[in-house]
Amino acid sequence: HHPWDNDEEMVATWKVLEKHAKAGI
């Protein structure tokens, strides 16, 4: 929904969304 001041956490969050995208969810 919006960025925040922690690049590492944002990238980690993106990686989890990628997991769900790869699963077709």
PDB file of all heavy atoms in Angstrom:
ATOM      1  N   HIS A   1       0.810  -1.223   0.000  1.00  0.00           N
ATOM      2  CA  HIS A   1       0.000   0.000   0.000  1.00  0.00           C
ATOM      3  C   HIS A   1       0.845   1.275   0.000  1.00  0.00           C
ATOM      4  O   HIS A   1       0.466   2.274  -0.597  1.00  0.00           O
ATOM      5  CB  HIS A   1      -0.937   0.003   1.212  1.00  0.00           C
ATOM      6  CG  HIS A   1      -2.127   0.881   1.036  1.00  0.00           C
ATOM      7  ND1 HIS A   1      -3.300   0.702   1.711  1.00  0.00           N
ATOM      8  CD2 HIS A   1      -2.354   1.955   0.246  1.00  0.00           C
ATOM      9  CE1 HIS A   1      -4.195   1.613   1.365  1.00  0.00           C
ATOM     10  NE2 HIS A   1      -3.628   2.392   0.474  1.00  0.00           N
ATOM     11  N   HIS A   2       1.977   1.249   0.661  1.00  0.00           N
ATOM     12  CA  HIS A   2       2.837   2.436   0.709  1.00  0.00           C
ATOM     13  C   HIS A   2       4.226   2.012   1.159  1.00  0.00           C
ATOM     14  O   HIS A   2       4.389   1.004   1.871  1.00  0.00           O
ATOM     15  CB  HIS A   2       2.276   3.488   1.670  1.00  0.00           C
ATOM     16  CG  HIS A   2       1.911   2.938   3.023  1.00  0.00           C
ATOM     17  ND1 HIS A   2       2.834   2.743   4.016  1.00  0.00           N
ATOM     18  CD2 HIS A   2       0.728   2.506   3.512  1.00  0.00           C
ATOM     19  CE1 HIS A   2       2.244   2.237   5.071  1.00  0.00           C
ATOM     20  NE2 HIS A   2       0.968   2.062   4.795  1.00  0.00           N
ATOM     21  N   PRO A   3       5.250   2.750   0.767  1.00  0.00           N
ATOM     22  CA  PRO A   3       6.612   2.407   1.189  1.00  0.00           C
ATOM     23  C   PRO A   3       6.860   2.874   2.624  1.00  0.00           C
ATOM     24  O   PRO A   3       6.073   3.632   3.198  1.00  0.00           O
ATOM     25  CB  PRO A   3       7.481   3.187   0.205  1.00  0.00           C
ATOM     26  CG  PRO A   3       6.644   4.380  -0.161  1.00  0.00           C
ATOM     27  CD  PRO A   3       5.213   3.903  -0.142  1.00  0.00           C
ATOM     28  N   TRP A   4       7.956   2.421   3.194  1.00  0.00           N
ATOM     29  CA  TRP A   4       8.362   2.874   4.513  1.00  0.00           C
ATOM     30  C   TRP A   4       9.882   2.921   4.565  1.00  0.00           C
ATOM     31  O   TRP A   4      10.563   2.515   3.613  1.00  0.00           O
ATOM     32  CB  TRP A   4       7.770   2.003   5.620  1.00  0.00           C
ATOM     33  CG  TRP A   4       8.160   0.551   5.616  1.00  0.00           C
ATOM     34  CD1 TRP A   4       9.138  -0.056   6.364  1.00  0.00           C
ATOM     35  CD2 TRP A   4       7.563  -0.501   4.835  1.00  0.00           C
ATOM     36  NE1 TRP A   4       9.189  -1.400   6.103  1.00  0.00           N
ATOM     37  CE2 TRP A   4       8.234  -1.705   5.178  1.00  0.00           C
ATOM     38  CE3 TRP A   4       6.534  -0.559   3.885  1.00  0.00           C
ATOM     39  CZ2 TRP A   4       7.910  -2.933   4.590  1.00  0.00           C
ATOM     40  CZ3 TRP A   4       6.214  -1.776   3.309  1.00  0.00           C
ATOM     41  CH2 TRP A   4       6.898  -2.950   3.662  1.00  0.00           C
ATOM     42  N   ASP A   5      10.411   3.386   5.672  1.00  0.00           N
ATOM     43  CA  ASP A   5      11.838   3.692   5.747  1.00  0.00           C
ATOM     44  C   ASP A   5      12.643   2.484   6.219  1.00  0.00           C
ATOM     45  O   ASP A   5      13.319   2.527   7.253  1.00  0.00           O
ATOM     46  CB  ASP A   5      12.064   4.879   6.695  1.00  0.00           C
ATOM     47  CG  ASP A   5      13.486   5.403   6.634  1.00  0.00           C
ATOM     48  OD1 ASP A   5      14.158   5.136   5.622  1.00  0.00           O
ATOM     49  OD2 ASP A   5      13.912   6.065   7.600  1.00  0.00           O
ATOM     50  N   ASN A   6      12.547   1.389   5.459  1.00  0.00           N
ATOM     51  CA  ASN A   6      13.375   0.216   5.753  1.00  0.00           C
ATOM     52  C   ASN A   6      13.459  -0.613   4.477  1.00  0.00           C
ATOM     53  O   ASN A   6      12.586  -1.435   4.192  1.00  0.00           O
ATOM     54  CB  ASN A   6      12.779  -0.600   6.903  1.00  0.00           C
ATOM     55  CG  ASN A   6      13.704  -1.704   7.373  1.00  0.00           C
ATOM     56  OD1 ASN A   6      14.312  -2.411   6.563  1.00  0.00           O
ATOM     57  ND2 ASN A   6      13.816  -1.877   8.688  1.00  0.00           N
ATOM     58  N   ASP A   7      14.522  -0.380   3.720  1.00  0.00           N
ATOM     59  CA  ASP A   7      14.652  -1.029   2.415  1.00  0.00           C
ATOM     60  C   ASP A   7      14.653  -2.546   2.532  1.00  0.00           C
ATOM     61  O   ASP A   7      14.029  -3.253   1.725  1.00  0.00           O
ATOM     62  CB  ASP A   7      15.931  -0.569   1.722  1.00  0.00           C
ATOM     63  CG  ASP A   7      15.864   0.875   1.264  1.00  0.00           C
ATOM     64  OD1 ASP A   7      14.791   1.489   1.423  1.00  0.00           O
ATOM     65  OD2 ASP A   7      16.883   1.393   0.763  1.00  0.00           O
ATOM     66  N   GLU A   8      15.364  -3.059   3.531  1.00  0.00           N
ATOM     67  CA  GLU A   8      15.470  -4.508   3.693  1.00  0.00           C
ATOM     68  C   GLU A   8      14.101  -5.144   3.932  1.00  0.00           C
ATOM     69  O   GLU A   8      13.770  -6.181   3.340  1.00  0.00           O
ATOM     70  CB  GLU A   8      16.411  -4.831   4.848  1.00  0.00           C
ATOM     71  CG  GLU A   8      16.673  -6.315   5.032  1.00  0.00           C
ATOM     72  CD  GLU A   8      17.650  -6.602   6.147  1.00  0.00           C
ATOM     73  OE1 GLU A   8      18.344  -5.668   6.594  1.00  0.00           O
ATOM     74  OE2 GLU A   8      17.719  -7.772   6.585  1.00  0.00           O
ATOM     75  N   GLU A   9      13.282  -4.511   4.772  1.00  0.00           N
ATOM     76  CA  GLU A   9      11.950  -5.041   5.056  1.00  0.00           C
ATOM     77  C   GLU A   9      11.050  -4.974   3.820  1.00  0.00           C
ATOM     78  O   GLU A   9      10.254  -5.891   3.569  1.00  0.00           O
ATOM     79  CB  GLU A   9      11.306  -4.285   6.209  1.00  0.00           C
ATOM     80  CG  GLU A   9      11.869  -4.640   7.574  1.00  0.00           C
ATOM     81  CD  GLU A   9      11.130  -3.935   8.688  1.00  0.00           C
ATOM     82  OE1 GLU A   9      10.147  -3.206   8.406  1.00  0.00           O
ATOM     83  OE2 GLU A   9      11.538  -4.106   9.856  1.00  0.00           O
ATOM     84  N   MET A  10      11.155  -3.886   3.049  1.00  0.00           N
ATOM     85  CA  MET A  10      10.324  -3.769   1.850  1.00  0.00           C
ATOM     86  C   MET A  10      10.668  -4.851   0.836  1.00  0.00           C
ATOM     87  O   MET A  10       9.788  -5.457   0.231  1.00  0.00           O
ATOM     88  CB  MET A  10      10.464  -2.374   1.228  1.00  0.00           C
ATOM     89  CG  MET A  10       9.681  -1.304   1.966  1.00  0.00           C
ATOM     90  SD  MET A  10       9.506   0.220   1.016  1.00  0.00           S
ATOM     91  CE  MET A  10      11.204   0.785   0.923  1.00  0.00           C
ATOM     92  N   VAL A  11      11.959  -5.099   0.655  1.00  0.00           N
ATOM     93  CA  VAL A  11      12.382  -6.148  -0.280  1.00  0.00           C
ATOM     94  C   VAL A  11      11.912  -7.515   0.227  1.00  0.00           C
ATOM     95  O   VAL A  11      11.419  -8.344  -0.554  1.00  0.00           O
ATOM     96  CB  VAL A  11      13.908  -6.127  -0.480  1.00  0.00           C
ATOM     97  CG1 VAL A  11      14.366  -7.360  -1.245  1.00  0.00           C
ATOM     98  CG2 VAL A  11      14.325  -4.854  -1.214  1.00  0.00           C
ATOM     99  N   ALA A  12      12.028  -7.752   1.540  1.00  0.00           N
ATOM    100  CA  ALA A  12      11.578  -9.030   2.108  1.00  0.00           C
ATOM    101  C   ALA A  12      10.078  -9.201   1.913  1.00  0.00           C
ATOM    102  O   ALA A  12       9.605 -10.310   1.602  1.00  0.00           O
ATOM    103  CB  ALA A  12      11.946  -9.093   3.585  1.00  0.00           C
ATOM    104  N   THR A  13       9.320  -8.136   2.088  1.00  0.00           N
ATOM    105  CA  THR A  13       7.875  -8.193   1.874  1.00  0.00           C
ATOM    106  C   THR A  13       7.566  -8.533   0.421  1.00  0.00           C
ATOM    107  O   THR A  13       6.699  -9.364   0.124  1.00  0.00           O
ATOM    108  CB  THR A  13       7.220  -6.845   2.265  1.00  0.00           C
ATOM    109  OG1 THR A  13       7.445  -6.603   3.653  1.00  0.00           O
ATOM    110  CG2 THR A  13       5.722  -6.851   1.976  1.00  0.00           C
ATOM    111  N   TRP A  14       8.298  -7.898  -0.490  1.00  0.00           N
ATOM    112  CA  TRP A  14       8.092  -8.172  -1.911  1.00  0.00           C
ATOM    113  C   TRP A  14       8.356  -9.639  -2.227  1.00  0.00           C
ATOM    114  O   TRP A  14       7.620 -10.254  -2.998  1.00  0.00           O
ATOM    115  CB  TRP A  14       8.977  -7.268  -2.769  1.00  0.00           C
ATOM    116  CG  TRP A  14       8.706  -7.452  -4.227  1.00  0.00           C
ATOM    117  CD1 TRP A  14       9.455  -8.146  -5.135  1.00  0.00           C
ATOM    118  CD2 TRP A  14       7.563  -6.994  -4.941  1.00  0.00           C
ATOM    119  NE1 TRP A  14       8.858  -8.134  -6.368  1.00  0.00           N
ATOM    120  CE2 TRP A  14       7.685  -7.427  -6.280  1.00  0.00           C
ATOM    121  CE3 TRP A  14       6.445  -6.240  -4.574  1.00  0.00           C
ATOM    122  CZ2 TRP A  14       6.730  -7.138  -7.251  1.00  0.00           C
ATOM    123  CZ3 TRP A  14       5.496  -5.941  -5.543  1.00  0.00           C
ATOM    124  CH2 TRP A  14       5.639  -6.400  -6.865  1.00  0.00           C
ATOM    125  N   LYS A  15       9.376 -10.204  -1.629  1.00  0.00           N
ATOM    126  CA  LYS A  15       9.715 -11.604  -1.884  1.00  0.00           C
ATOM    127  C   LYS A  15       8.579 -12.538  -1.456  1.00  0.00           C
ATOM    128  O   LYS A  15       8.309 -13.561  -2.115  1.00  0.00           O
ATOM    129  CB  LYS A  15      11.007 -11.982  -1.152  1.00  0.00           C
ATOM    130  CG  LYS A  15      12.257 -11.269  -1.652  1.00  0.00           C
ATOM    131  CD  LYS A  15      12.554 -11.614  -3.109  1.00  0.00           C
ATOM    132  CE  LYS A  15      13.833 -10.964  -3.594  1.00  0.00           C
ATOM    133  NZ  LYS A  15      14.076 -11.243  -5.037  1.00  0.00           N
ATOM    134  N   VAL A  16       7.892 -12.204  -0.361  1.00  0.00           N
ATOM    135  CA  VAL A  16       6.763 -13.034   0.078  1.00  0.00           C
ATOM    136  C   VAL A  16       5.600 -12.908  -0.909  1.00  0.00           C
ATOM    137  O   VAL A  16       4.943 -13.903  -1.244  1.00  0.00           O
ATOM    138  CB  VAL A  16       6.313 -12.664   1.503  1.00  0.00           C
ATOM    139  CG1 VAL A  16       5.132 -13.544   1.929  1.00  0.00           C
ATOM    140  CG2 VAL A  16       7.462 -12.822   2.487  1.00  0.00           C
ATOM    141  N   LEU A  17       5.355 -11.699  -1.408  1.00  0.00           N
ATOM    142  CA  LEU A  17       4.296 -11.538  -2.408  1.00  0.00           C
ATOM    143  C   LEU A  17       4.656 -12.293  -3.691  1.00  0.00           C
ATOM    144  O   LEU A  17       3.777 -12.878  -4.335  1.00  0.00           O
ATOM    145  CB  LEU A  17       4.073 -10.054  -2.715  1.00  0.00           C
ATOM    146  CG  LEU A  17       3.554  -9.186  -1.557  1.00  0.00           C
ATOM    147  CD1 LEU A  17       3.173  -7.792  -2.073  1.00  0.00           C
ATOM    148  CD2 LEU A  17       2.381  -9.819  -0.845  1.00  0.00           C
ATOM    149  N   GLU A  18       5.938 -12.312  -4.036  1.00  0.00           N
ATOM    150  CA  GLU A  18       6.365 -13.104  -5.198  1.00  0.00           C
ATOM    151  C   GLU A  18       6.036 -14.583  -4.994  1.00  0.00           C
ATOM    152  O   GLU A  18       5.610 -15.275  -5.932  1.00  0.00           O
ATOM    153  CB  GLU A  18       7.866 -12.932  -5.431  1.00  0.00           C
ATOM    154  CG  GLU A  18       8.253 -11.582  -5.996  1.00  0.00           C
ATOM    155  CD  GLU A  18       9.738 -11.487  -6.303  1.00  0.00           C
ATOM    156  OE1 GLU A  18      10.533 -12.172  -5.613  1.00  0.00           O
ATOM    157  OE2 GLU A  18      10.109 -10.753  -7.232  1.00  0.00           O
ATOM    158  N   LYS A  19       6.231 -15.080  -3.787  1.00  0.00           N
ATOM    159  CA  LYS A  19       5.914 -16.484  -3.487  1.00  0.00           C
ATOM    160  C   LYS A  19       4.447 -16.776  -3.786  1.00  0.00           C
ATOM    161  O   LYS A  19       4.113 -17.789  -4.426  1.00  0.00           O
ATOM    162  CB  LYS A  19       6.220 -16.775  -2.017  1.00  0.00           C
ATOM    163  CG  LYS A  19       5.859 -18.185  -1.564  1.00  0.00           C
ATOM    164  CD  LYS A  19       5.966 -18.355  -0.055  1.00  0.00           C
ATOM    165  CE  LYS A  19       4.834 -17.664   0.676  1.00  0.00           C
ATOM    166  NZ  LYS A  19       4.838 -17.963   2.129  1.00  0.00           N
ATOM    167  N   HIS A  20       3.567 -15.888  -3.357  1.00  0.00           N
ATOM    168  CA  HIS A  20       2.130 -16.097  -3.585  1.00  0.00           C
ATOM    169  C   HIS A  20       1.771 -15.916  -5.061  1.00  0.00           C
ATOM    170  O   HIS A  20       0.850 -16.566  -5.564  1.00  0.00           O
ATOM    171  CB  HIS A  20       1.319 -15.142  -2.707  1.00  0.00           C
ATOM    172  CG  HIS A  20       1.376 -15.482  -1.253  1.00  0.00           C
ATOM    173  ND1 HIS A  20       0.799 -16.620  -0.737  1.00  0.00           N
ATOM    174  CD2 HIS A  20       1.935 -14.837  -0.198  1.00  0.00           C
ATOM    175  CE1 HIS A  20       0.999 -16.662   0.578  1.00  0.00           C
ATOM    176  NE2 HIS A  20       1.697 -15.594   0.916  1.00  0.00           N
ATOM    177  N   ALA A  21       2.516 -15.045  -5.740  1.00  0.00           N
ATOM    178  CA  ALA A  21       2.276 -14.880  -7.176  1.00  0.00           C
ATOM    179  C   ALA A  21       2.675 -16.145  -7.930  1.00  0.00           C
ATOM    180  O   ALA A  21       1.966 -16.601  -8.836  1.00  0.00           O
ATOM    181  CB  ALA A  21       3.051 -13.672  -7.696  1.00  0.00           C
ATOM    182  N   LYS A  22       3.792 -16.732  -7.561  1.00  0.00           N
ATOM    183  CA  LYS A  22       4.242 -17.957  -8.209  1.00  0.00           C
ATOM    184  C   LYS A  22       3.273 -19.116  -7.957  1.00  0.00           C
ATOM    185  O   LYS A  22       3.137 -20.013  -8.787  1.00  0.00           O
ATOM    186  CB  LYS A  22       5.644 -18.314  -7.724  1.00  0.00           C
ATOM    187  CG  LYS A  22       6.721 -17.364  -8.232  1.00  0.00           C
ATOM    188  CD  LYS A  22       8.059 -17.613  -7.561  1.00  0.00           C
ATOM    189  CE  LYS A  22       9.091 -16.596  -8.028  1.00  0.00           C
ATOM    190  NZ  LYS A  22      10.380 -16.736  -7.303  1.00  0.00           N
ATOM    191  N   ALA A  23       2.585 -19.070  -6.817  1.00  0.00           N
ATOM    192  CA  ALA A  23       1.597 -20.105  -6.477  1.00  0.00           C
ATOM    193  C   ALA A  23       0.255 -19.864  -7.152  1.00  0.00           C
ATOM    194  O   ALA A  23      -0.638 -20.714  -7.070  1.00  0.00           O
ATOM    195  CB  ALA A  23       1.420 -20.180  -4.966  1.00  0.00           C
ATOM    196  N   GLY A  24       0.091 -18.703  -7.811  1.00  0.00           N
ATOM    197  CA  GLY A  24      -1.163 -18.398  -8.493  1.00  0.00           C
ATOM    198  C   GLY A  24      -2.235 -17.822  -7.600  1.00  0.00           C
ATOM    199  O   GLY A  24      -3.364 -17.586  -8.051  1.00  0.00           O
ATOM    200  N   ILE A  25      -1.913 -17.550  -6.350  1.00  0.00           N
ATOM    201  CA  ILE A  25      -2.891 -16.981  -5.414  1.00  0.00           C
ATOM    202  C   ILE A  25      -3.067 -15.489  -5.685  1.00  0.00           C
ATOM    203  O   ILE A  25      -4.183 -14.967  -5.636  1.00  0.00           O
ATOM    204  CB  ILE A  25      -2.437 -17.225  -3.966  1.00  0.00           C
ATOM    205  CG1 ILE A  25      -2.435 -18.727  -3.663  1.00  0.00           C
ATOM    206  CG2 ILE A  25      -3.330 -16.481  -2.977  1.00  0.00           C
ATOM    207  CD1 ILE A  25      -1.752 -19.080  -2.357  1.00  0.00           C
TER     208      ILE A  25
END
